[in-house]
């Protein structure tokens, strides 16, 4: 019995390396940009998933100045800090984050209608 156990080859998972890369901390952290409908034509854009080392207030200040809209930083118990902007600013925010060098384009996910 012991010889048989030694001769049985172990199972090899060819996708083990790919799964280890994706589950690593910081390898595929996405920045989610969403739009939420308020009442009537009013909408709200939320930005979540930015790295904690960035100053959310400075990013918010630049976004507000660039797009002529109001906004705030909200502390959410599950999501952490979330930037909220008035209006549908999804495309503007994504292009701003890429141009400023804060996030790469492939790490941004835009959600909404």
PDB file of N, CA and C in Angstrom:
ATOM      1  N   UNK A   1       0.819  -1.202   0.000  1.00  0.00           N
ATOM      2  CA  UNK A   1       0.000   0.000   0.000  1.00  0.00           C
ATOM      3  C   UNK A   1       0.853   1.251   0.000  1.00  0.00           C
ATOM      4  N   UNK A   2       1.924   1.285   0.720  1.00  0.00           N
ATOM      5  CA  UNK A   2       2.727   2.496   0.774  1.00  0.00           C
ATOM      6  C   UNK A   2       3.403   2.777  -0.561  1.00  0.00           C
ATOM      7  N   UNK A   3       3.805   1.715  -1.335  1.00  0.00           N
ATOM      8  CA  UNK A   3       4.408   1.943  -2.651  1.00  0.00           C
ATOM      9  C   UNK A   3       3.397   2.552  -3.625  1.00  0.00           C
ATOM     10  N   UNK A   4       2.167   2.111  -3.517  1.00  0.00           N
ATOM     11  CA  UNK A   4       1.126   2.637  -4.395  1.00  0.00           C
ATOM     12  C   UNK A   4       0.890   4.120  -4.137  1.00  0.00           C
ATOM     13  N   UNK A   5       0.907   4.513  -2.881  1.00  0.00           N
ATOM     14  CA  UNK A   5       0.714   5.924  -2.553  1.00  0.00           C
ATOM     15  C   UNK A   5       1.843   6.781  -3.101  1.00  0.00           C
ATOM     16  N   UNK A   6       3.047   6.247  -3.125  1.00  0.00           N
ATOM     17  CA  UNK A   6       4.194   7.009  -3.598  1.00  0.00           C
ATOM     18  C   UNK A   6       4.135   7.182  -5.111  1.00  0.00           C
ATOM     19  N   UNK A   7       3.634   6.170  -5.841  1.00  0.00           N
ATOM     20  CA  UNK A   7       3.635   6.201  -7.298  1.00  0.00           C
ATOM     21  C   UNK A   7       2.485   7.023  -7.887  1.00  0.00           C
ATOM     22  N   UNK A   8       1.460   7.317  -7.111  1.00  0.00           N
ATOM     23  CA  UNK A   8       0.333   8.078  -7.630  1.00  0.00           C
ATOM     24  C   UNK A   8       0.771   9.539  -7.795  1.00  0.00           C
ATOM     25  N   UNK A   9       0.664  10.071  -9.017  1.00  0.00           N
ATOM     26  CA  UNK A   9       1.077  11.464  -9.212  1.00  0.00           C
ATOM     27  C   UNK A   9       0.094  12.416  -8.535  1.00  0.00           C
ATOM     28  N   UNK A  10       0.616  13.503  -8.065  1.00  0.00           N
ATOM     29  CA  UNK A  10      -0.251  14.486  -7.416  1.00  0.00           C
ATOM     30  C   UNK A  10      -1.005  15.284  -8.484  1.00  0.00           C
ATOM     31  N   UNK A  11      -2.149  15.779  -8.121  1.00  0.00           N
ATOM     32  CA  UNK A  11      -2.961  16.551  -9.056  1.00  0.00           C
ATOM     33  C   UNK A  11      -2.287  17.890  -9.316  1.00  0.00           C
ATOM     34  N   UNK A  12      -2.240  18.270 -10.569  1.00  0.00           N
ATOM     35  CA  UNK A  12      -1.626  19.535 -10.957  1.00  0.00           C
ATOM     36  C   UNK A  12      -2.710  20.466 -11.469  1.00  0.00           C
ATOM     37  N   UNK A  13      -2.753  21.644 -10.914  1.00  0.00           N
ATOM     38  CA  UNK A  13      -3.732  22.639 -11.337  1.00  0.00           C
ATOM     39  C   UNK A  13      -3.029  23.672 -12.209  1.00  0.00           C
ATOM     40  N   UNK A  14      -3.291  23.680 -13.539  1.00  0.00           N
ATOM     41  CA  UNK A  14      -2.590  24.633 -14.410  1.00  0.00           C
ATOM     42  C   UNK A  14      -3.008  26.081 -14.181  1.00  0.00           C
ATOM     43  N   UNK A  15      -4.160  26.295 -13.540  1.00  0.00           N
ATOM     44  CA  UNK A  15      -4.628  27.657 -13.305  1.00  0.00           C
ATOM     45  C   UNK A  15      -4.254  28.173 -11.922  1.00  0.00           C
ATOM     46  N   UNK A  16      -3.462  27.440 -11.168  1.00  0.00           N
ATOM     47  CA  UNK A  16      -3.112  27.849  -9.811  1.00  0.00           C
ATOM     48  C   UNK A  16      -2.351  29.171  -9.814  1.00  0.00           C
ATOM     49  N   UNK A  17      -1.430  29.359 -10.755  1.00  0.00           N
ATOM     50  CA  UNK A  17      -0.662  30.606 -10.819  1.00  0.00           C
ATOM     51  C   UNK A  17      -1.557  31.794 -11.148  1.00  0.00           C
ATOM     52  N   UNK A  18      -2.488  31.622 -12.073  1.00  0.00           N
ATOM     53  CA  UNK A  18      -3.386  32.722 -12.459  1.00  0.00           C
ATOM     54  C   UNK A  18      -4.298  33.106 -11.303  1.00  0.00           C
ATOM     55  N   UNK A  19      -4.797  32.120 -10.557  1.00  0.00           N
ATOM     56  CA  UNK A  19      -5.659  32.418  -9.415  1.00  0.00           C
ATOM     57  C   UNK A  19      -4.888  33.104  -8.307  1.00  0.00           C
ATOM     58  N   UNK A  20      -3.654  32.727  -8.096  1.00  0.00           N
ATOM     59  CA  UNK A  20      -2.838  33.349  -7.050  1.00  0.00           C
ATOM     60  C   UNK A  20      -2.550  34.810  -7.391  1.00  0.00           C
ATOM     61  N   UNK A  21      -2.339  35.113  -8.682  1.00  0.00           N
ATOM     62  CA  UNK A  21      -2.074  36.499  -9.075  1.00  0.00           C
ATOM     63  C   UNK A  21      -3.295  37.374  -8.863  1.00  0.00           C
ATOM     64  N   UNK A  22      -4.487  36.870  -9.192  1.00  0.00           N
ATOM     65  CA  UNK A  22      -5.694  37.682  -9.074  1.00  0.00           C
ATOM     66  C   UNK A  22      -6.138  37.863  -7.640  1.00  0.00           C
ATOM     67  N   UNK A  23      -5.820  36.912  -6.766  1.00  0.00           N
ATOM     68  CA  UNK A  23      -6.267  37.031  -5.382  1.00  0.00           C
ATOM     69  C   UNK A  23      -5.293  37.823  -4.521  1.00  0.00           C
ATOM     70  N   UNK A  24      -4.150  38.206  -5.076  1.00  0.00           N
ATOM     71  CA  UNK A  24      -3.172  38.976  -4.319  1.00  0.00           C
ATOM     72  C   UNK A  24      -3.688  40.362  -3.993  1.00  0.00           C
ATOM     73  N   UNK A  25      -3.249  40.905  -2.885  1.00  0.00           N
ATOM     74  CA  UNK A  25      -3.724  42.224  -2.458  1.00  0.00           C
ATOM     75  C   UNK A  25      -3.177  43.290  -3.393  1.00  0.00           C
ATOM     76  N   UNK A  26      -4.072  44.084  -3.950  1.00  0.00           N
ATOM     77  CA  UNK A  26      -3.666  45.198  -4.790  1.00  0.00           C
ATOM     78  C   UNK A  26      -3.425  44.857  -6.237  1.00  0.00           C
ATOM     79  N   UNK A  27      -3.587  43.613  -6.653  1.00  0.00           N
ATOM     80  CA  UNK A  27      -3.294  43.279  -8.034  1.00  0.00           C
ATOM     81  C   UNK A  27      -4.421  43.693  -8.963  1.00  0.00           C
ATOM     82  N   UNK A  28      -5.666  43.478  -8.578  1.00  0.00           N
ATOM     83  CA  UNK A  28      -6.804  43.820  -9.429  1.00  0.00           C
ATOM     84  C   UNK A  28      -7.849  44.596  -8.643  1.00  0.00           C
ATOM     85  N   UNK A  29      -7.448  45.611  -7.926  1.00  0.00           N
ATOM     86  CA  UNK A  29      -8.405  46.445  -7.218  1.00  0.00           C
ATOM     87  C   UNK A  29      -8.999  47.433  -8.211  1.00  0.00           C
ATOM     88  N   UNK A  30     -10.300  47.378  -8.366  1.00  0.00           N
ATOM     89  CA  UNK A  30     -10.976  48.244  -9.316  1.00  0.00           C
ATOM     90  C   UNK A  30     -11.513  49.487  -8.627  1.00  0.00           C
ATOM     91  N   UNK A  31     -11.584  50.562  -9.387  1.00  0.00           N
ATOM     92  CA  UNK A  31     -12.257  51.773  -8.953  1.00  0.00           C
ATOM     93  C   UNK A  31     -13.616  51.757  -9.635  1.00  0.00           C
ATOM     94  N   UNK A  32     -14.675  51.775  -8.838  1.00  0.00           N
ATOM     95  CA  UNK A  32     -16.031  51.686  -9.365  1.00  0.00           C
ATOM     96  C   UNK A  32     -16.633  53.087  -9.427  1.00  0.00           C
ATOM     97  N   UNK A  33     -17.130  53.447 -10.602  1.00  0.00           N
ATOM     98  CA  UNK A  33     -17.796  54.734 -10.806  1.00  0.00           C
ATOM     99  C   UNK A  33     -19.248  54.422 -11.154  1.00  0.00           C
ATOM    100  N   UNK A  34     -20.155  54.867 -10.296  1.00  0.00           N
ATOM    101  CA  UNK A  34     -21.571  54.550 -10.470  1.00  0.00           C
ATOM    102  C   UNK A  34     -22.397  55.823 -10.535  1.00  0.00           C
ATOM    103  N   UNK A  35     -23.584  55.698 -11.124  1.00  0.00           N
ATOM    104  CA  UNK A  35     -24.548  56.792 -11.120  1.00  0.00           C
ATOM    105  C   UNK A  35     -25.803  56.285 -10.415  1.00  0.00           C
ATOM    106  N   UNK A  36     -26.363  57.139  -9.560  1.00  0.00           N
ATOM    107  CA  UNK A  36     -27.590  56.805  -8.841  1.00  0.00           C
ATOM    108  C   UNK A  36     -28.626  57.858  -9.176  1.00  0.00           C
ATOM    109  N   UNK A  37     -29.834  57.410  -9.466  1.00  0.00           N
ATOM    110  CA  UNK A  37     -30.917  58.337  -9.778  1.00  0.00           C
ATOM    111  C   UNK A  37     -31.498  58.872  -8.481  1.00  0.00           C
ATOM    112  N   UNK A  38     -31.646  60.169  -8.400  1.00  0.00           N
ATOM    113  CA  UNK A  38     -32.294  60.774  -7.234  1.00  0.00           C
ATOM    114  C   UNK A  38     -33.760  60.963  -7.557  1.00  0.00           C
ATOM    115  N   UNK A  39     -34.233  62.170  -7.659  1.00  0.00           N
ATOM    116  CA  UNK A  39     -35.629  62.393  -8.008  1.00  0.00           C
ATOM    117  C   UNK A  39     -35.697  63.235  -9.277  1.00  0.00           C
ATOM    118  N   UNK A  40     -36.567  62.828 -10.186  1.00  0.00           N
ATOM    119  CA  UNK A  40     -36.702  63.535 -11.449  1.00  0.00           C
ATOM    120  C   UNK A  40     -35.483  63.366 -12.330  1.00  0.00           C
ATOM    121  N   UNK A  41     -34.907  64.483 -12.758  1.00  0.00           N
ATOM    122  CA  UNK A  41     -33.725  64.432 -13.624  1.00  0.00           C
ATOM    123  C   UNK A  41     -32.430  64.467 -12.824  1.00  0.00           C
ATOM    124  N   UNK A  42     -32.510  64.547 -11.522  1.00  0.00           N
ATOM    125  CA  UNK A  42     -31.320  64.676 -10.683  1.00  0.00           C
ATOM    126  C   UNK A  42     -30.631  63.315 -10.539  1.00  0.00           C
ATOM    127  N   UNK A  43     -29.307  63.332 -10.572  1.00  0.00           N
ATOM    128  CA  UNK A  43     -28.556  62.098 -10.390  1.00  0.00           C
ATOM    129  C   UNK A  43     -27.309  62.378  -9.547  1.00  0.00           C
ATOM    130  N   UNK A  44     -26.667  61.311  -9.121  1.00  0.00           N
ATOM    131  CA  UNK A  44     -25.531  61.377  -8.214  1.00  0.00           C
ATOM    132  C   UNK A  44     -24.469  60.416  -8.726  1.00  0.00           C
ATOM    133  N   UNK A  45     -23.233  60.855  -8.825  1.00  0.00           N
ATOM    134  CA  UNK A  45     -22.128  59.997  -9.249  1.00  0.00           C
ATOM    135  C   UNK A  45     -21.282  59.645  -8.037  1.00  0.00           C
ATOM    136  N   UNK A  46     -21.009  58.340  -7.852  1.00  0.00           N
ATOM    137  CA  UNK A  46     -20.185  57.904  -6.723  1.00  0.00           C
ATOM    138  C   UNK A  46     -18.909  57.249  -7.249  1.00  0.00           C
ATOM    139  N   UNK A  47     -17.805  57.524  -6.561  1.00  0.00           N
ATOM    140  CA  UNK A  47     -16.499  56.948  -6.888  1.00  0.00           C
ATOM    141  C   UNK A  47     -16.028  56.192  -5.662  1.00  0.00           C
ATOM    142  N   UNK A  48     -15.793  54.886  -5.839  1.00  0.00           N
ATOM    143  CA  UNK A  48     -15.385  54.064  -4.705  1.00  0.00           C
ATOM    144  C   UNK A  48     -14.217  53.179  -5.129  1.00  0.00           C
ATOM    145  N   UNK A  49     -13.364  52.859  -4.175  1.00  0.00           N
ATOM    146  CA  UNK A  49     -12.269  51.929  -4.431  1.00  0.00           C
ATOM    147  C   UNK A  49     -10.926  52.578  -4.664  1.00  0.00           C
ATOM    148  N   UNK A  50     -10.814  53.877  -4.451  1.00  0.00           N
ATOM    149  CA  UNK A  50      -9.505  54.516  -4.569  1.00  0.00           C
ATOM    150  C   UNK A  50      -8.612  54.050  -3.427  1.00  0.00           C
ATOM    151  N   UNK A  51      -7.319  54.063  -3.655  1.00  0.00           N
ATOM    152  CA  UNK A  51      -6.385  53.630  -2.609  1.00  0.00           C
ATOM    153  C   UNK A  51      -6.448  54.581  -1.423  1.00  0.00           C
ATOM    154  N   UNK A  52      -6.190  54.046  -0.248  1.00  0.00           N
ATOM    155  CA  UNK A  52      -6.322  54.836   0.982  1.00  0.00           C
ATOM    156  C   UNK A  52      -5.223  55.885   1.128  1.00  0.00           C
ATOM    157  N   UNK A  53      -4.119  55.726   0.394  1.00  0.00           N
ATOM    158  CA  UNK A  53      -3.030  56.686   0.537  1.00  0.00           C
ATOM    159  C   UNK A  53      -3.314  58.018  -0.153  1.00  0.00           C
ATOM    160  N   UNK A  54      -4.342  58.056  -1.018  1.00  0.00           N
ATOM    161  CA  UNK A  54      -4.713  59.311  -1.672  1.00  0.00           C
ATOM    162  C   UNK A  54      -5.556  60.162  -0.727  1.00  0.00           C
ATOM    163  N   UNK A  55      -5.426  61.464  -0.876  1.00  0.00           N
ATOM    164  CA  UNK A  55      -6.244  62.389  -0.103  1.00  0.00           C
ATOM    165  C   UNK A  55      -7.562  62.600  -0.850  1.00  0.00           C
ATOM    166  N   UNK A  56      -8.627  62.037  -0.309  1.00  0.00           N
ATOM    167  CA  UNK A  56      -9.934  62.108  -0.958  1.00  0.00           C
ATOM    168  C   UNK A  56     -10.405  63.561  -1.077  1.00  0.00           C
ATOM    169  N   UNK A  57     -10.110  64.364  -0.065  1.00  0.00           N
ATOM    170  CA  UNK A  57     -10.565  65.753  -0.082  1.00  0.00           C
ATOM    171  C   UNK A  57      -9.882  66.561  -1.193  1.00  0.00           C
ATOM    172  N   UNK A  58      -8.602  66.294  -1.459  1.00  0.00           N
ATOM    173  CA  UNK A  58      -7.908  67.011  -2.523  1.00  0.00           C
ATOM    174  C   UNK A  58      -8.416  66.570  -3.892  1.00  0.00           C
ATOM    175  N   UNK A  59      -8.675  65.272  -4.050  1.00  0.00           N
ATOM    176  CA  UNK A  59      -9.227  64.779  -5.313  1.00  0.00           C
ATOM    177  C   UNK A  59     -10.610  65.384  -5.539  1.00  0.00           C
ATOM    178  N   UNK A  60     -11.420  65.420  -4.459  1.00  0.00           N
ATOM    179  CA  UNK A  60     -12.765  65.986  -4.562  1.00  0.00           C
ATOM    180  C   UNK A  60     -12.701  67.464  -4.943  1.00  0.00           C
ATOM    181  N   UNK A  61     -11.773  68.185  -4.350  1.00  0.00           N
ATOM    182  CA  UNK A  61     -11.644  69.613  -4.653  1.00  0.00           C
ATOM    183  C   UNK A  61     -11.316  69.825  -6.126  1.00  0.00           C
ATOM    184  N   UNK A  62     -10.400  69.019  -6.668  1.00  0.00           N
ATOM    185  CA  UNK A  62     -10.041  69.137  -8.079  1.00  0.00           C
ATOM    186  C   UNK A  62     -11.197  68.738  -8.989  1.00  0.00           C
ATOM    187  N   UNK A  63     -11.932  67.689  -8.611  1.00  0.00           N
ATOM    188  CA  UNK A  63     -13.078  67.257  -9.419  1.00  0.00           C
ATOM    189  C   UNK A  63     -14.157  68.334  -9.453  1.00  0.00           C
ATOM    190  N   UNK A  64     -14.445  68.928  -8.306  1.00  0.00           N
ATOM    191  CA  UNK A  64     -15.472  69.970  -8.230  1.00  0.00           C
ATOM    192  C   UNK A  64     -15.082  71.181  -9.071  1.00  0.00           C
ATOM    193  N   UNK A  65     -13.816  71.537  -9.013  1.00  0.00           N
ATOM    194  CA  UNK A  65     -13.357  72.700  -9.764  1.00  0.00           C
ATOM    195  C   UNK A  65     -13.361  72.412 -11.268  1.00  0.00           C
ATOM    196  N   UNK A  66     -12.974  71.208 -11.642  1.00  0.00           N
ATOM    197  CA  UNK A  66     -12.877  70.842 -13.056  1.00  0.00           C
ATOM    198  C   UNK A  66     -14.245  70.754 -13.729  1.00  0.00           C
ATOM    199  N   UNK A  67     -15.231  70.175 -13.034  1.00  0.00           N
ATOM    200  CA  UNK A  67     -16.526  69.892 -13.662  1.00  0.00           C
ATOM    201  C   UNK A  67     -17.642  70.817 -13.202  1.00  0.00           C
ATOM    202  N   UNK A  68     -17.327  71.834 -12.420  1.00  0.00           N
ATOM    203  CA  UNK A  68     -18.316  72.812 -11.968  1.00  0.00           C
ATOM    204  C   UNK A  68     -19.536  72.148 -11.339  1.00  0.00           C
ATOM    205  N   UNK A  69     -19.295  71.291 -10.366  1.00  0.00           N
ATOM    206  CA  UNK A  69     -20.389  70.624  -9.662  1.00  0.00           C
ATOM    207  C   UNK A  69     -20.030  70.564  -8.178  1.00  0.00           C
ATOM    208  N   UNK A  70     -21.002  70.236  -7.366  1.00  0.00           N
ATOM    209  CA  UNK A  70     -20.770  70.111  -5.942  1.00  0.00           C
ATOM    210  C   UNK A  70     -20.549  68.640  -5.601  1.00  0.00           C
ATOM    211  N   UNK A  71     -19.963  68.379  -4.443  1.00  0.00           N
ATOM    212  CA  UNK A  71     -19.709  67.010  -4.045  1.00  0.00           C
ATOM    213  C   UNK A  71     -19.285  66.926  -2.604  1.00  0.00           C
ATOM    214  N   UNK A  72     -19.138  65.674  -2.133  1.00  0.00           N
ATOM    215  CA  UNK A  72     -18.748  65.434  -0.750  1.00  0.00           C
ATOM    216  C   UNK A  72     -18.063  64.074  -0.649  1.00  0.00           C
ATOM    217  N   UNK A  73     -17.362  63.880   0.469  1.00  0.00           N
ATOM    218  CA  UNK A  73     -16.773  62.583   0.781  1.00  0.00           C
ATOM    219  C   UNK A  73     -17.599  61.977   1.905  1.00  0.00           C
ATOM    220  N   UNK A  74     -18.137  60.772   1.667  1.00  0.00           N
ATOM    221  CA  UNK A  74     -19.012  60.103   2.624  1.00  0.00           C
ATOM    222  C   UNK A  74     -18.279  58.897   3.187  1.00  0.00           C
ATOM    223  N   UNK A  75     -18.371  58.690   4.491  1.00  0.00           N
ATOM    224  CA  UNK A  75     -17.773  57.522   5.136  1.00  0.00           C
ATOM    225  C   UNK A  75     -18.835  56.429   5.225  1.00  0.00           C
ATOM    226  N   UNK A  76     -18.640  55.342   4.478  1.00  0.00           N
ATOM    227  CA  UNK A  76     -19.570  54.218   4.469  1.00  0.00           C
ATOM    228  C   UNK A  76     -18.976  53.097   5.311  1.00  0.00           C
ATOM    229  N   UNK A  77     -19.782  52.424   6.157  1.00  0.00           N
ATOM    230  CA  UNK A  77     -19.218  51.372   7.014  1.00  0.00           C
ATOM    231  C   UNK A  77     -18.676  50.175   6.236  1.00  0.00           C
ATOM    232  N   UNK A  78     -19.286  49.830   5.097  1.00  0.00           N
ATOM    233  CA  UNK A  78     -18.821  48.678   4.322  1.00  0.00           C
ATOM    234  C   UNK A  78     -17.784  49.052   3.274  1.00  0.00           C
ATOM    235  N   UNK A  79     -17.987  50.170   2.595  1.00  0.00           N
ATOM    236  CA  UNK A  79     -17.153  50.535   1.454  1.00  0.00           C
ATOM    237  C   UNK A  79     -16.010  51.469   1.799  1.00  0.00           C
ATOM    238  N   UNK A  80     -15.999  52.027   2.986  1.00  0.00           N
ATOM    239  CA  UNK A  80     -14.974  52.995   3.349  1.00  0.00           C
ATOM    240  C   UNK A  80     -15.373  54.370   2.854  1.00  0.00           C
ATOM    241  N   UNK A  81     -14.396  55.152   2.403  1.00  0.00           N
ATOM    242  CA  UNK A  81     -14.695  56.495   1.930  1.00  0.00           C
ATOM    243  C   UNK A  81     -15.166  56.447   0.483  1.00  0.00           C
ATOM    244  N   UNK A  82     -16.226  57.188   0.191  1.00  0.00           N
ATOM    245  CA  UNK A  82     -16.816  57.251  -1.144  1.00  0.00           C
ATOM    246  C   UNK A  82     -16.964  58.720  -1.525  1.00  0.00           C
ATOM    247  N   UNK A  83     -16.555  59.065  -2.735  1.00  0.00           N
ATOM    248  CA  UNK A  83     -16.720  60.418  -3.247  1.00  0.00           C
ATOM    249  C   UNK A  83     -18.058  60.493  -3.973  1.00  0.00           C
ATOM    250  N   UNK A  84     -18.862  61.492  -3.633  1.00  0.00           N
ATOM    251  CA  UNK A  84     -20.146  61.710  -4.297  1.00  0.00           C
ATOM    252  C   UNK A  84     -20.110  63.048  -5.012  1.00  0.00           C
ATOM    253  N   UNK A  85     -20.570  63.056  -6.264  1.00  0.00           N
ATOM    254  CA  UNK A  85     -20.639  64.279  -7.065  1.00  0.00           C
ATOM    255  C   UNK A  85     -22.047  64.451  -7.607  1.00  0.00           C
ATOM    256  N   UNK A  86     -22.476  65.693  -7.758  1.00  0.00           N
ATOM    257  CA  UNK A  86     -23.790  65.955  -8.334  1.00  0.00           C
ATOM    258  C   UNK A  86     -23.735  65.778  -9.842  1.00  0.00           C
ATOM    259  N   UNK A  87     -24.782  65.182 -10.386  1.00  0.00           N
ATOM    260  CA  UNK A  87     -24.887  65.008 -11.828  1.00  0.00           C
ATOM    261  C   UNK A  87     -24.251  63.717 -12.299  1.00  0.00           C
ATOM    262  N   UNK A  88     -24.421  63.436 -13.580  1.00  0.00           N
ATOM    263  CA  UNK A  88     -23.843  62.240 -14.198  1.00  0.00           C
ATOM    264  C   UNK A  88     -22.453  62.596 -14.715  1.00  0.00           C
ATOM    265  N   UNK A  89     -21.440  62.314 -13.924  1.00  0.00           N
ATOM    266  CA  UNK A  89     -20.060  62.689 -14.241  1.00  0.00           C
ATOM    267  C   UNK A  89     -19.184  61.464 -14.497  1.00  0.00           C
ATOM    268  N   UNK A  90     -19.764  60.340 -14.884  1.00  0.00           N
ATOM    269  CA  UNK A  90     -18.998  59.091 -14.993  1.00  0.00           C
ATOM    270  C   UNK A  90     -17.839  59.190 -15.973  1.00  0.00           C
ATOM    271  N   UNK A  91     -18.096  59.631 -17.186  1.00  0.00           N
ATOM    272  CA  UNK A  91     -17.034  59.704 -18.196  1.00  0.00           C
ATOM    273  C   UNK A  91     -16.005  60.769 -17.828  1.00  0.00           C
ATOM    274  N   UNK A  92     -16.469  61.881 -17.293  1.00  0.00           N
ATOM    275  CA  UNK A  92     -15.555  62.950 -16.886  1.00  0.00           C
ATOM    276  C   UNK A  92     -14.610  62.478 -15.784  1.00  0.00           C
ATOM    277  N   UNK A  93     -15.166  61.794 -14.778  1.00  0.00           N
ATOM    278  CA  UNK A  93     -14.359  61.338 -13.646  1.00  0.00           C
ATOM    279  C   UNK A  93     -13.348  60.291 -14.105  1.00  0.00           C
ATOM    280  N   UNK A  94     -13.773  59.361 -14.961  1.00  0.00           N
ATOM    281  CA  UNK A  94     -12.844  58.316 -15.414  1.00  0.00           C
ATOM    282  C   UNK A  94     -11.690  58.921 -16.200  1.00  0.00           C
ATOM    283  N   UNK A  95     -11.980  59.867 -17.098  1.00  0.00           N
ATOM    284  CA  UNK A  95     -10.897  60.494 -17.859  1.00  0.00           C
ATOM    285  C   UNK A  95      -9.994  61.329 -16.950  1.00  0.00           C
ATOM    286  N   UNK A  96     -10.575  61.987 -15.941  1.00  0.00           N
ATOM    287  CA  UNK A  96      -9.781  62.781 -15.005  1.00  0.00           C
ATOM    288  C   UNK A  96      -8.821  61.895 -14.211  1.00  0.00           C
ATOM    289  N   UNK A  97      -9.314  60.755 -13.711  1.00  0.00           N
ATOM    290  CA  UNK A  97      -8.472  59.867 -12.908  1.00  0.00           C
ATOM    291  C   UNK A  97      -7.327  59.279 -13.726  1.00  0.00           C
ATOM    292  N   UNK A  98      -7.583  59.006 -15.004  1.00  0.00           N
ATOM    293  CA  UNK A  98      -6.524  58.472 -15.869  1.00  0.00           C
ATOM    294  C   UNK A  98      -5.499  59.550 -16.193  1.00  0.00           C
ATOM    295  N   UNK A  99      -5.965  60.757 -16.525  1.00  0.00           N
ATOM    296  CA  UNK A  99      -5.043  61.841 -16.880  1.00  0.00           C
ATOM    297  C   UNK A  99      -4.203  62.288 -15.693  1.00  0.00           C
ATOM    298  N   UNK A 100      -4.785  62.242 -14.495  1.00  0.00           N
ATOM    299  CA  UNK A 100      -4.048  62.647 -13.298  1.00  0.00           C
ATOM    300  C   UNK A 100      -3.063  61.567 -12.848  1.00  0.00           C
ATOM    301  N   UNK A 101      -3.169  60.372 -13.409  1.00  0.00           N
ATOM    302  CA  UNK A 101      -2.260  59.291 -13.042  1.00  0.00           C
ATOM    303  C   UNK A 101      -2.629  58.604 -11.737  1.00  0.00           C
ATOM    304  N   UNK A 102      -3.860  58.774 -11.296  1.00  0.00           N
ATOM    305  CA  UNK A 102      -4.298  58.161 -10.046  1.00  0.00           C
ATOM    306  C   UNK A 102      -4.605  56.684 -10.253  1.00  0.00           C
ATOM    307  N   UNK A 103      -5.267  56.372 -11.381  1.00  0.00           N
ATOM    308  CA  UNK A 103      -5.678  54.999 -11.679  1.00  0.00           C
ATOM    309  C   UNK A 103      -5.409  54.731 -13.149  1.00  0.00           C
ATOM    310  N   UNK A 104      -5.041  53.479 -13.479  1.00  0.00           N
ATOM    311  CA  UNK A 104      -4.904  53.096 -14.879  1.00  0.00           C
ATOM    312  C   UNK A 104      -6.286  52.828 -15.465  1.00  0.00           C
ATOM    313  N   UNK A 105      -6.396  52.993 -16.770  1.00  0.00           N
ATOM    314  CA  UNK A 105      -7.690  52.863 -17.431  1.00  0.00           C
ATOM    315  C   UNK A 105      -8.283  51.468 -17.273  1.00  0.00           C
ATOM    316  N   UNK A 106      -7.455  50.432 -17.252  1.00  0.00           N
ATOM    317  CA  UNK A 106      -7.968  49.061 -17.150  1.00  0.00           C
ATOM    318  C   UNK A 106      -8.444  48.710 -15.739  1.00  0.00           C
ATOM    319  N   UNK A 107      -8.193  49.582 -14.762  1.00  0.00           N
ATOM    320  CA  UNK A 107      -8.637  49.340 -13.391  1.00  0.00           C
ATOM    321  C   UNK A 107      -9.901  50.127 -13.037  1.00  0.00           C
ATOM    322  N   UNK A 108     -10.554  50.727 -14.041  1.00  0.00           N
ATOM    323  CA  UNK A 108     -11.774  51.497 -13.806  1.00  0.00           C
ATOM    324  C   UNK A 108     -12.957  50.736 -14.362  1.00  0.00           C
ATOM    325  N   UNK A 109     -14.012  50.617 -13.545  1.00  0.00           N
ATOM    326  CA  UNK A 109     -15.259  50.019 -13.993  1.00  0.00           C
ATOM    327  C   UNK A 109     -16.355  51.064 -13.859  1.00  0.00           C
ATOM    328  N   UNK A 110     -17.053  51.312 -14.975  1.00  0.00           N
ATOM    329  CA  UNK A 110     -18.135  52.282 -14.990  1.00  0.00           C
ATOM    330  C   UNK A 110     -19.455  51.525 -14.985  1.00  0.00           C
ATOM    331  N   UNK A 111     -20.309  51.822 -14.018  1.00  0.00           N
ATOM    332  CA  UNK A 111     -21.599  51.156 -13.879  1.00  0.00           C
ATOM    333  C   UNK A 111     -22.713  52.154 -14.145  1.00  0.00           C
ATOM    334  N   UNK A 112     -23.888  51.636 -14.449  1.00  0.00           N
ATOM    335  CA  UNK A 112     -25.055  52.505 -14.583  1.00  0.00           C
ATOM    336  C   UNK A 112     -25.760  52.325 -15.900  1.00  0.00           C
ATOM    337  N   UNK A 113     -26.799  53.087 -16.075  1.00  0.00           N
ATOM    338  CA  UNK A 113     -27.640  52.957 -17.260  1.00  0.00           C
ATOM    339  C   UNK A 113     -27.025  53.597 -18.469  1.00  0.00           C
TER     340      UNK A 113
END
